[in-house]
Amino acid sequence: MPERTAIYLDNAATTTLDERVLGEMLPYLHTYYGNPSAVHAHGRRVRTAIEKARKQVASLLNASPGEICFTSGGTEADNTVIHGAVSSLSLRQIITSPIEHHAVLHSVEKCALNNGIPLRLLELDEKGNPNLSQLRQWLGEEPRSLVTLMQGNNEIGNLIDLEIIAEICEEKGAFFHSDTVQTMGHYPHDLKSLKANAIVGSAHKFHGPKGIGFFYLKKSNRIQPHIVGGSQERNMRGGTENVYGIVGLAKALTLAYEDMSSHQRHIKGLKQLFIHELKQAIPEVTFNGSSGDLEKSLYTVINVSLPPSPKNQGMLLFNLDLNGISASGGSACSSGAAQGSHVLRALDARTDRESVRFSFSRYNSIQDIQQVVQVLSELYAG
């Protein structure tokens, strides 16, 4: 048997930094160090780089530069939009689902409490898809609502129909925000045609640096900043800008759009192979949510439910790690947390079966897939 190599299949948590992105960032870590708020030449040089990056991101998403605000990542972007929309637009109800990322769920819980408004969680079908008839009903009862639903679920990979939900919200007069962290850079977004009020992105999900993200806010909306103490980001976020992060994000997103079709074909092929080979190796395997459906889930994510096994119960991630395979049990942002996955609980996933999220990138290979299936087959043999 050939020697095994370390394999990284936790790309929904974070991706490796593209060398071309690093090259773009390096001058702003050393050579161009001025404060972008300064009026002198050093500052102006850096300010120009930020605004160029803003225009790049806006152009890729078919938005206006003034609709793009850079943040420290997707979590801050979600928090800013959610709290800002409810308080600034006098919204009277929040509607979401029980399987959103905690950046959304914890934010809406606090926001509803602070503003004294109801928070309603949509019913899900057995695969984890939200009940859109219920959404229409609730918006009919209270149109001045914040609706927040993620486009691609970070744990089970489910995709919502972003266009249809955005149209429902526009028709009813609701504010629609979507956490698009898992889809940004992997699927195209045309914000001139999409009827969403706000979406977000985080660079480290598409081979950019950590610690930098953004939100798009439709120019017809005006909200108050979540972080105050300065007039940066056109008065939308206080604090000196993460210049090299912003430059890196714009470069990473540009590269993602340039190569999107080829990366989709490559990664989708890996996921398809993984599903086929795993079913052959472990016939009792199933897939959580819609992650086993190539057309209804992120092509980057598969959430595997494995049969009961005394030697792997509670130890599967550890056993995979011993074999040089990096994966995640549910949401990577809560890895190590004793409470487990709120998403799998919402789906009533069986507790006697181990669930593992494998997530792929353009840097993975067919050999990676074959090796992981071989390891899983050995762990579940006999």
Protein backbone atom coordinates (compact mmCIF):
# COMPACT_ATOMS: atom_id res chain seq x y z
CA MET A 1 0.00 0.00 0.00
CA PRO A 2 1.37 3.48 -0.87
CA GLU A 3 2.42 5.73 1.99
CA ARG A 4 -0.42 7.83 3.36
CA THR A 5 -0.22 11.59 3.30
CA ALA A 6 -1.91 14.18 5.51
CA ILE A 7 -5.23 15.27 4.05
CA TYR A 8 -7.15 18.45 4.83
CA LEU A 9 -10.93 18.14 4.38
CA ASP A 10 -12.13 20.94 6.66
CA ASN A 11 -12.38 23.70 4.07
CA ALA A 12 -15.78 24.86 5.30
CA ALA A 13 -13.95 25.94 8.46
CA THR A 14 -11.10 27.67 6.65
CA THR A 15 -9.19 27.34 3.40
CA THR A 16 -5.48 27.56 2.72
CA LEU A 17 -4.20 30.98 1.67
CA ASP A 18 -3.56 31.20 -2.06
CA GLU A 19 0.09 32.14 -2.72
CA ARG A 20 -1.08 34.77 -5.24
CA VAL A 21 -3.17 36.37 -2.51
CA LEU A 22 -0.22 36.41 -0.13
CA GLY A 23 1.86 38.11 -2.82
CA GLU A 24 -0.75 40.83 -3.15
CA MET A 25 -0.83 41.38 0.62
CA LEU A 26 2.89 41.50 1.40
CA PRO A 27 3.57 45.09 0.26
CA TYR A 28 0.85 46.31 2.66
CA LEU A 29 2.47 44.46 5.55
CA HIS A 30 5.78 46.26 5.07
CA THR A 31 6.25 48.80 2.28
CA TYR A 32 2.91 50.64 2.40
CA TYR A 33 2.32 51.12 6.10
CA GLY A 34 0.58 54.49 6.29
CA ASN A 35 -2.68 54.97 8.16
CA PRO A 36 -5.44 55.16 5.53
CA SER A 37 -7.15 57.96 7.46
CA ALA A 38 -4.07 60.19 7.25
CA VAL A 39 -4.01 63.00 4.66
CA HIS A 40 -0.30 62.71 3.81
CA ALA A 41 1.15 60.73 0.90
CA HIS A 42 1.77 57.56 2.95
CA GLY A 43 -1.86 57.50 4.04
CA ARG A 44 -3.26 58.38 0.63
CA ARG A 45 -1.38 55.49 -0.99
CA VAL A 46 -3.02 53.03 1.38
CA ARG A 47 -6.45 54.66 1.12
CA THR A 48 -6.27 54.21 -2.65
CA ALA A 49 -5.62 50.47 -2.20
CA ILE A 50 -8.69 50.10 0.04
CA GLU A 51 -10.98 51.90 -2.39
CA LYS A 52 -9.58 49.90 -5.31
CA ALA A 53 -10.37 46.70 -3.40
CA ARG A 54 -13.89 47.96 -2.63
CA LYS A 55 -14.48 48.62 -6.33
CA GLN A 56 -13.15 45.15 -7.20
CA VAL A 57 -15.54 43.43 -4.80
CA ALA A 58 -18.47 45.58 -5.90
CA SER A 59 -17.76 44.89 -9.57
CA LEU A 60 -17.60 41.12 -9.04
CA LEU A 61 -20.94 41.16 -7.22
CA ASN A 62 -22.57 43.70 -9.55
CA ALA A 63 -23.07 46.18 -6.71
CA SER A 64 -22.03 49.77 -6.07
CA PRO A 65 -18.81 50.43 -4.09
CA GLY A 66 -20.82 52.39 -1.53
CA GLU A 67 -22.81 49.22 -0.77
CA ILE A 68 -19.70 47.28 0.38
CA CYS A 69 -18.42 47.62 3.96
CA PHE A 70 -15.35 45.73 5.18
CA THR A 71 -15.45 44.03 8.60
CA SER A 72 -13.35 41.64 10.68
CA GLY A 73 -15.20 38.66 9.19
CA GLY A 74 -18.59 37.09 8.62
CA THR A 75 -19.62 37.13 12.28
CA GLU A 76 -19.18 40.86 12.64
CA ALA A 77 -20.89 41.40 9.29
CA ASP A 78 -23.93 39.35 10.39
CA ASN A 79 -24.10 41.14 13.74
CA THR A 80 -23.86 44.57 12.14
CA VAL A 81 -26.65 43.96 9.66
CA ILE A 82 -28.98 42.19 12.09
CA HIS A 83 -28.71 44.70 14.95
CA GLY A 84 -28.54 47.68 12.62
CA ALA A 85 -31.56 46.70 10.54
CA VAL A 86 -33.84 45.97 13.49
CA SER A 87 -32.99 49.12 15.45
CA SER A 88 -32.59 51.56 12.54
CA LEU A 89 -35.56 50.39 10.45
CA SER A 90 -37.96 49.81 13.37
CA LEU A 91 -38.59 46.19 12.46
CA ARG A 92 -41.15 44.39 14.60
CA GLN A 93 -40.35 40.71 14.13
CA ILE A 94 -37.40 38.43 13.38
CA ILE A 95 -37.79 35.24 11.34
CA THR A 96 -35.02 32.70 10.94
CA SER A 97 -34.48 28.93 11.18
CA PRO A 98 -33.07 26.72 13.96
CA ILE A 99 -30.10 25.61 11.82
CA GLU A 100 -28.47 28.96 11.17
CA HIS A 101 -24.85 29.62 12.11
CA HIS A 102 -24.46 30.86 15.68
CA ALA A 103 -23.27 34.20 14.30
CA VAL A 104 -26.90 34.65 13.27
CA LEU A 105 -28.77 32.68 15.94
CA HIS A 106 -27.02 34.26 18.92
CA SER A 107 -27.30 37.68 17.32
CA VAL A 108 -31.05 37.46 16.65
CA GLU A 109 -31.69 36.10 20.14
CA LYS A 110 -29.96 39.12 21.69
CA CYS A 111 -31.49 41.53 19.21
CA ALA A 112 -35.04 40.28 19.83
CA LEU A 113 -34.52 40.54 23.59
CA ASN A 114 -33.01 44.04 23.43
CA ASN A 115 -35.74 45.37 21.16
CA GLY A 116 -38.67 43.53 22.76
CA ILE A 117 -39.83 41.89 19.54
CA PRO A 118 -40.73 38.26 18.77
CA LEU A 119 -38.24 35.81 17.30
CA ARG A 120 -39.82 33.02 15.23
CA LEU A 121 -38.11 29.89 13.95
CA LEU A 122 -39.39 28.35 10.73
CA GLU A 123 -40.37 24.70 10.66
CA LEU A 124 -38.02 22.38 8.77
CA ASP A 125 -38.74 19.26 6.74
CA GLU A 126 -36.85 16.02 7.38
CA LYS A 127 -33.91 17.25 5.29
CA GLY A 128 -33.68 20.62 7.04
CA ASN A 129 -35.37 22.80 4.40
CA PRO A 130 -37.41 25.76 5.73
CA ASN A 131 -41.18 25.95 5.32
CA LEU A 132 -41.75 28.79 2.85
CA SER A 133 -45.54 28.66 3.22
CA GLN A 134 -45.05 29.44 6.90
CA LEU A 135 -42.70 32.28 5.96
CA ARG A 136 -45.38 33.80 3.72
CA GLN A 137 -47.98 33.42 6.47
CA TRP A 138 -45.84 35.08 9.13
CA LEU A 139 -44.89 37.94 6.82
CA GLY A 140 -48.55 38.40 6.02
CA GLU A 141 -49.20 38.83 9.74
CA GLU A 142 -46.27 41.24 10.23
CA PRO A 143 -44.54 42.54 7.08
CA ARG A 144 -42.08 44.79 8.98
CA SER A 145 -39.80 41.86 9.69
CA LEU A 146 -36.17 40.87 9.49
CA VAL A 147 -35.82 37.56 7.65
CA THR A 148 -32.39 35.96 7.91
CA LEU A 149 -31.66 32.61 6.23
CA MET A 150 -28.24 31.34 5.17
CA GLN A 151 -27.80 30.47 1.51
CA GLY A 152 -25.61 27.43 2.17
CA ASN A 153 -25.62 25.68 5.53
CA ASN A 154 -22.11 25.34 6.93
CA GLU A 155 -22.76 21.94 8.53
CA ILE A 156 -25.12 19.97 6.27
CA GLY A 157 -24.59 21.92 3.06
CA ASN A 158 -28.27 22.60 2.33
CA LEU A 159 -28.89 25.32 -0.26
CA ILE A 160 -31.94 27.55 -0.07
CA ASP A 161 -33.48 29.17 -3.14
CA LEU A 162 -32.08 32.62 -2.48
CA GLU A 163 -33.96 34.29 -5.34
CA ILE A 164 -37.39 32.96 -4.37
CA ILE A 165 -37.00 33.86 -0.68
CA ALA A 166 -35.72 37.33 -1.60
CA GLU A 167 -38.76 37.83 -3.84
CA ILE A 168 -41.14 36.71 -1.08
CA CYS A 169 -39.56 39.20 1.31
CA GLU A 170 -39.66 42.05 -1.20
CA GLU A 171 -43.29 41.32 -2.04
CA LYS A 172 -44.24 41.43 1.66
CA GLY A 173 -42.02 44.42 2.47
CA ALA A 174 -39.60 42.55 4.76
CA PHE A 175 -35.86 43.10 5.14
CA PHE A 176 -33.99 40.03 3.89
CA HIS A 177 -30.45 39.23 5.06
CA SER A 178 -28.59 36.09 4.07
CA ASP A 179 -25.38 34.71 5.53
CA THR A 180 -23.59 33.81 2.29
CA VAL A 181 -20.26 32.96 3.90
CA GLN A 182 -20.22 29.40 2.52
CA THR A 183 -21.33 30.38 -1.00
CA MET A 184 -19.30 33.56 -1.51
CA GLY A 185 -16.53 32.86 -4.02
CA HIS A 186 -18.06 29.49 -4.92
CA TYR A 187 -21.29 30.65 -6.58
CA PRO A 188 -21.94 33.87 -8.52
CA HIS A 189 -23.93 36.66 -6.88
CA ASP A 190 -25.59 39.33 -9.00
CA LEU A 191 -26.76 41.90 -6.49
CA LYS A 192 -28.41 44.14 -9.05
CA SER A 193 -30.94 41.42 -9.81
CA LEU A 194 -31.06 39.67 -6.41
CA LYS A 195 -33.73 41.24 -4.22
CA ALA A 196 -31.82 40.70 -0.95
CA ASN A 197 -31.18 43.70 1.30
CA ALA A 198 -27.91 42.36 2.70
CA ILE A 199 -25.46 39.49 2.28
CA VAL A 200 -22.03 38.80 3.82
CA GLY A 201 -18.69 37.20 2.98
CA SER A 202 -15.52 36.09 4.76
CA ALA A 203 -12.20 35.88 2.91
CA HIS A 204 -10.82 32.78 4.59
CA LYS A 205 -13.63 30.66 3.10
CA PHE A 206 -12.34 31.31 -0.45
CA HIS A 207 -8.55 31.09 -0.03
CA GLY A 208 -8.09 34.58 1.38
CA PRO A 209 -6.74 35.69 4.79
CA LYS A 210 -8.48 35.26 8.14
CA GLY A 211 -9.77 38.28 10.03
CA ILE A 212 -11.39 40.09 7.11
CA GLY A 213 -14.90 40.01 5.69
CA PHE A 214 -17.57 42.34 4.36
CA PHE A 215 -21.24 42.96 4.08
CA TYR A 216 -23.28 44.26 1.19
CA LEU A 217 -26.11 46.57 2.19
CA LYS A 218 -28.50 47.80 -0.49
CA LYS A 219 -28.08 51.55 -0.83
CA SER A 220 -31.78 52.19 -0.23
CA ASN A 221 -31.26 51.01 3.36
CA ARG A 222 -29.57 53.05 6.08
CA ILE A 223 -28.49 51.48 9.35
CA GLN A 224 -26.41 52.60 12.32
CA PRO A 225 -22.89 51.15 12.83
CA HIS A 226 -22.37 48.28 15.23
CA ILE A 227 -18.81 49.32 16.13
CA VAL A 228 -18.37 53.02 16.91
CA GLY A 229 -15.38 55.20 17.71
CA GLY A 230 -14.33 56.41 14.29
CA SER A 231 -15.59 57.46 10.87
CA GLN A 232 -13.94 54.66 8.92
CA GLU A 233 -15.79 52.65 6.27
CA ARG A 234 -17.91 55.68 5.35
CA ASN A 235 -19.07 56.00 8.96
CA MET A 236 -20.24 52.37 9.03
CA ARG A 237 -17.46 50.88 11.19
CA GLY A 238 -15.08 52.56 13.62
CA GLY A 239 -11.47 51.36 13.70
CA THR A 240 -8.40 51.50 11.48
CA GLU A 241 -8.94 49.29 8.46
CA ASN A 242 -7.22 45.91 8.07
CA VAL A 243 -5.53 47.09 4.89
CA TYR A 244 -3.59 43.98 3.91
CA GLY A 245 -6.64 41.87 4.74
CA ILE A 246 -8.86 44.01 2.52
CA VAL A 247 -6.37 43.82 -0.35
CA GLY A 248 -6.13 40.05 0.15
CA LEU A 249 -9.90 39.61 0.22
CA ALA A 250 -10.33 41.46 -3.07
CA LYS A 251 -7.59 39.42 -4.73
CA ALA A 252 -8.98 36.12 -3.43
CA LEU A 253 -12.49 36.93 -4.61
CA THR A 254 -11.17 38.01 -8.01
CA LEU A 255 -9.32 34.70 -8.40
CA ALA A 256 -12.40 32.78 -7.23
CA TYR A 257 -14.55 34.40 -9.91
CA GLU A 258 -11.92 33.89 -12.62
CA ASP A 259 -11.67 30.15 -11.93
CA MET A 260 -15.17 29.46 -10.59
CA SER A 261 -16.41 27.12 -13.34
CA SER A 262 -13.33 24.91 -13.36
CA HIS A 263 -13.21 24.74 -9.58
CA GLN A 264 -16.90 23.80 -9.44
CA ARG A 265 -16.35 20.95 -11.90
CA HIS A 266 -13.28 19.68 -10.06
CA ILE A 267 -14.72 19.85 -6.54
CA LYS A 268 -18.15 18.55 -7.55
CA GLY A 269 -16.39 15.60 -9.16
CA LEU A 270 -14.56 14.90 -5.90
CA LYS A 271 -17.80 15.01 -3.92
CA GLN A 272 -19.54 12.71 -6.40
CA LEU A 273 -16.65 10.24 -6.21
CA PHE A 274 -16.65 10.40 -2.41
CA ILE A 275 -20.37 9.58 -2.23
CA HIS A 276 -20.03 6.69 -4.69
CA GLU A 277 -16.91 5.16 -3.11
CA LEU A 278 -18.21 5.53 0.45
CA LYS A 279 -21.50 3.80 -0.38
CA GLN A 280 -19.51 0.92 -1.84
CA ALA A 281 -17.20 0.69 1.18
CA ILE A 282 -19.82 1.19 3.92
CA PRO A 283 -23.32 0.33 2.60
CA GLU A 284 -25.02 1.53 5.80
CA VAL A 285 -23.74 5.08 5.33
CA THR A 286 -26.28 7.91 4.96
CA PHE A 287 -25.92 11.66 4.51
CA ASN A 288 -27.34 14.34 6.79
CA GLY A 289 -29.65 16.99 5.39
CA SER A 290 -29.46 17.38 1.63
CA SER A 291 -25.67 17.04 1.57
CA GLY A 292 -25.82 13.81 -0.45
CA ASP A 293 -27.76 15.55 -3.23
CA LEU A 294 -25.34 17.28 -5.61
CA GLU A 295 -28.00 19.67 -6.90
CA LYS A 296 -29.50 20.71 -3.56
CA SER A 297 -26.37 21.20 -1.48
CA LEU A 298 -23.01 22.94 -1.47
CA TYR A 299 -20.63 21.10 -3.77
CA THR A 300 -17.94 21.75 -1.16
CA VAL A 301 -19.65 20.00 1.78
CA ILE A 302 -20.78 16.46 2.63
CA ASN A 303 -22.09 15.52 6.07
CA VAL A 304 -21.72 11.78 6.60
CA SER A 305 -23.74 9.68 9.05
CA LEU A 306 -21.92 6.44 9.83
CA PRO A 307 -23.38 3.28 11.37
CA PRO A 308 -23.07 2.55 15.11
CA SER A 309 -19.57 1.37 16.03
CA PRO A 310 -18.38 0.83 19.63
CA LYS A 311 -14.74 1.50 18.74
CA ASN A 312 -15.54 4.78 16.97
CA GLN A 313 -18.36 6.13 19.13
CA GLY A 314 -17.20 9.57 20.26
CA MET A 315 -13.74 8.83 18.87
CA LEU A 316 -14.12 9.04 15.09
CA LEU A 317 -12.63 12.51 14.61
CA PHE A 318 -9.73 11.49 16.84
CA ASN A 319 -9.23 8.28 14.85
CA LEU A 320 -9.31 10.21 11.58
CA ASP A 321 -6.77 12.67 12.96
CA LEU A 322 -4.48 9.78 13.92
CA ASN A 323 -4.65 8.76 10.27
CA GLY A 324 -3.70 12.24 9.10
CA ILE A 325 -7.20 13.34 8.06
CA SER A 326 -8.57 16.70 9.18
CA ALA A 327 -12.37 16.88 9.21
CA SER A 328 -15.05 18.29 11.49
CA GLY A 329 -17.93 17.02 13.62
CA GLY A 330 -20.71 19.41 12.68
CA SER A 331 -19.83 23.09 12.81
CA ALA A 332 -16.09 23.75 12.89
CA CYS A 333 -16.69 27.12 14.54
CA SER A 334 -17.81 25.20 17.65
CA SER A 335 -15.38 22.29 17.40
CA GLY A 336 -14.52 20.89 20.82
CA ALA A 337 -17.79 22.15 22.32
CA ALA A 338 -19.43 19.54 24.51
CA GLN A 339 -22.98 20.40 23.48
CA GLY A 340 -22.57 19.00 19.96
CA SER A 341 -24.26 20.22 16.82
CA HIS A 342 -27.47 22.25 17.13
CA VAL A 343 -28.05 21.63 13.43
CA LEU A 344 -28.06 17.84 13.75
CA ARG A 345 -30.27 18.07 16.84
CA ALA A 346 -32.78 20.13 14.85
CA LEU A 347 -32.83 17.33 12.28
CA ASP A 348 -33.31 14.68 14.99
CA ALA A 349 -30.14 12.93 13.84
CA ARG A 350 -29.55 9.59 15.51
CA THR A 351 -27.20 9.91 18.47
CA ASP A 352 -25.84 6.36 18.07
CA ARG A 353 -24.35 7.26 14.69
CA GLU A 354 -21.22 9.35 14.23
CA SER A 355 -21.62 12.36 11.94
CA VAL A 356 -18.63 13.93 10.24
CA ARG A 357 -18.46 16.90 7.89
CA PHE A 358 -15.94 16.60 5.09
CA SER A 359 -15.46 19.76 3.05
CA PHE A 360 -13.43 20.06 -0.12
CA SER A 361 -11.40 22.68 -1.98
CA ARG A 362 -9.63 23.07 -5.29
CA TYR A 363 -6.44 21.80 -3.64
CA ASN A 364 -7.91 18.36 -2.92
CA SER A 365 -7.37 15.43 -5.27
CA ILE A 366 -8.89 12.10 -6.29
CA GLN A 367 -6.13 10.43 -4.31
CA ASP A 368 -7.26 12.30 -1.18
CA ILE A 369 -10.79 10.95 -1.60
CA GLN A 370 -9.62 7.39 -2.16
CA GLN A 371 -7.38 7.52 0.89
CA VAL A 372 -10.13 8.87 3.17
CA VAL A 373 -12.58 6.20 2.01
CA GLN A 374 -9.93 3.55 2.62
CA VAL A 375 -9.34 4.81 6.17
CA LEU A 376 -13.07 4.93 6.93
CA SER A 377 -13.49 1.44 5.53
CA GLU A 378 -10.74 0.17 7.86
CA LEU A 379 -12.20 1.98 10.87
CA TYR A 380 -15.61 0.39 10.26
CA ALA A 381 -14.39 -3.06 9.19
CA GLY A 382 -15.73 -5.97 11.21
